[in-house]
Protein backbone atom coordinates (compact mmCIF):
# COMPACT_ATOMS: atom_id res chain seq x y z
CA MET A 1 0.66 21.00 10.28
CA THR A 2 -1.21 20.36 7.12
CA ASN A 3 -3.33 17.29 7.30
CA GLY A 4 -1.14 15.87 4.28
CA GLU A 5 2.14 16.16 6.62
CA LEU A 6 0.24 14.44 9.52
CA ASP A 7 -0.77 11.37 7.62
CA ARG A 8 2.68 10.89 6.33
CA LEU A 9 3.57 10.90 10.23
CA VAL A 10 1.04 8.42 11.06
CA ALA A 11 2.10 6.21 8.13
CA GLU A 12 5.86 6.37 8.78
CA LYS A 13 5.80 6.77 12.90
CA VAL A 14 2.62 4.98 13.75
CA MET A 15 2.09 2.28 11.06
CA GLY A 16 5.80 1.78 10.26
CA TRP A 17 5.23 1.98 6.78
CA HIS A 18 7.79 3.72 4.24
CA THR A 19 7.66 4.57 0.52
CA GLU A 20 8.69 2.99 -2.52
CA TYR A 21 8.29 4.23 -5.94
CA ILE A 22 7.16 1.63 -8.41
CA SER A 23 5.77 1.93 -11.83
CA ASP A 24 5.44 6.06 -11.75
CA CYS A 25 3.92 6.34 -8.41
CA THR A 26 4.53 6.43 -4.71
CA GLU A 27 3.01 3.56 -2.67
CA TRP A 28 3.32 2.75 0.71
CA PHE A 29 5.10 -0.62 2.02
CA ASP A 30 5.03 -2.60 5.30
CA GLY A 31 7.93 -4.24 4.91
CA LYS A 32 6.49 -7.40 3.16
CA LYS A 33 3.85 -5.90 1.14
CA TYR A 34 2.76 -2.70 -0.84
CA VAL A 35 -0.50 -1.53 1.29
CA GLY A 36 -1.55 1.35 -0.97
CA GLY A 37 -0.68 4.54 -3.17
CA PHE A 38 0.68 7.58 -0.81
CA TYR A 39 -2.11 10.00 -1.21
CA ALA A 40 -4.69 7.12 -0.78
CA PHE A 41 -4.01 6.68 2.84
CA CYS A 42 -5.86 10.00 4.85
CA PRO A 43 -6.43 9.06 8.62
CA SER A 44 -6.51 12.73 9.25
CA ASP A 45 -9.81 13.02 6.68
CA ASN A 46 -11.23 9.51 6.49
CA LEU A 47 -12.15 7.72 9.28
CA LEU A 48 -11.84 4.01 7.75
CA ASP A 49 -8.34 5.04 7.36
CA ALA A 50 -8.13 6.19 10.92
CA TRP A 51 -9.67 2.76 12.26
CA LEU A 52 -6.73 1.19 10.45
CA VAL A 53 -4.25 3.46 13.00
CA VAL A 54 -6.68 1.94 15.77
CA LYS A 55 -6.13 -1.45 14.89
CA LYS A 56 -2.34 -1.10 14.97
CA MET A 57 -2.33 0.65 18.21
CA ALA A 58 -4.63 -2.30 19.57
CA GLY A 59 -2.86 -4.57 18.12
CA ASN A 60 0.41 -3.27 20.28
CA GLY A 61 -1.45 -3.60 23.94
CA THR A 62 -3.22 -0.37 23.50
CA GLN A 63 -6.04 0.90 25.52
CA ARG A 64 -8.08 3.23 24.01
CA GLY A 65 -11.06 5.41 24.33
CA ILE A 66 -13.11 8.15 22.75
CA VAL A 67 -15.84 10.83 24.19
CA ASN A 68 -17.63 13.49 21.86
CA VAL A 69 -17.61 16.58 24.08
CA ARG A 70 -20.57 18.68 23.81
CA GLY A 71 -20.93 18.06 20.22
CA LYS A 72 -17.85 20.34 19.36
CA TYR A 73 -14.64 17.97 20.24
CA PHE A 74 -13.54 14.59 19.83
CA TYR A 75 -11.12 13.33 23.07
CA TRP A 76 -8.97 10.16 22.26
CA LEU A 77 -6.89 8.64 24.59
CA CYS A 78 -4.27 5.38 23.68
CA TYR A 79 -1.59 4.20 25.50
CA TRP A 80 1.91 2.72 23.23
CA LYS A 81 4.39 0.75 25.65
CA ARG A 82 4.52 3.10 28.41
CA ASN A 83 3.80 6.38 26.43
CA ARG A 84 0.10 8.14 26.65
CA GLY A 85 -1.07 10.07 23.79
CA GLU A 86 -3.80 12.05 23.88
CA ALA A 87 -5.92 14.57 21.81
CA LYS A 88 -9.19 17.05 21.56
CA GLU A 89 -9.95 17.78 18.10
CA THR A 90 -12.80 18.56 15.94
CA THR A 91 -12.93 15.24 14.23
CA MET A 92 -12.26 11.84 15.38
CA PRO A 93 -10.01 10.66 12.73
CA LYS A 94 -8.03 14.02 13.73
CA ALA A 95 -8.19 12.98 17.40
CA ILE A 96 -6.94 9.91 16.62
CA CYS A 97 -4.15 10.81 14.46
CA VAL A 98 -3.08 12.94 17.20
CA ALA A 99 -2.91 10.81 20.16
CA ALA A 100 -1.56 8.11 18.55
CA LEU A 101 1.48 9.85 17.22
CA ARG A 102 1.90 11.38 20.73
CA ALA A 103 2.27 8.05 22.18
CA VAL A 104 4.62 7.16 20.09
CA GLY A 105 6.78 10.00 21.13
CA GLU A 106 6.23 12.76 17.91
CA ASN A 107 5.34 16.02 19.40
CA VAL A 108 2.56 17.39 17.69
């Protein structure tokens, strides 16, 4: 799965956003307001965007933790209601994204 595919899944399944086409560009919409351009949200690469995912998960009573495993991997653990998501990846943003998707029931 590419980072772009991962980003789209996170936006739709974790953040609850959908896309709308406005003035020659595609924007993410959260149901109340436009939250940014389609290609501007890159949580699998951008740590600031990944922290938006953490904030969203925490707002739903989620626990989370991170450990840097011997300087090679980042491990992320989170819960979404009763579902557990965990991931070990080479970057912190990607670990956050994969764990969040697993917690909401996506098989990545």
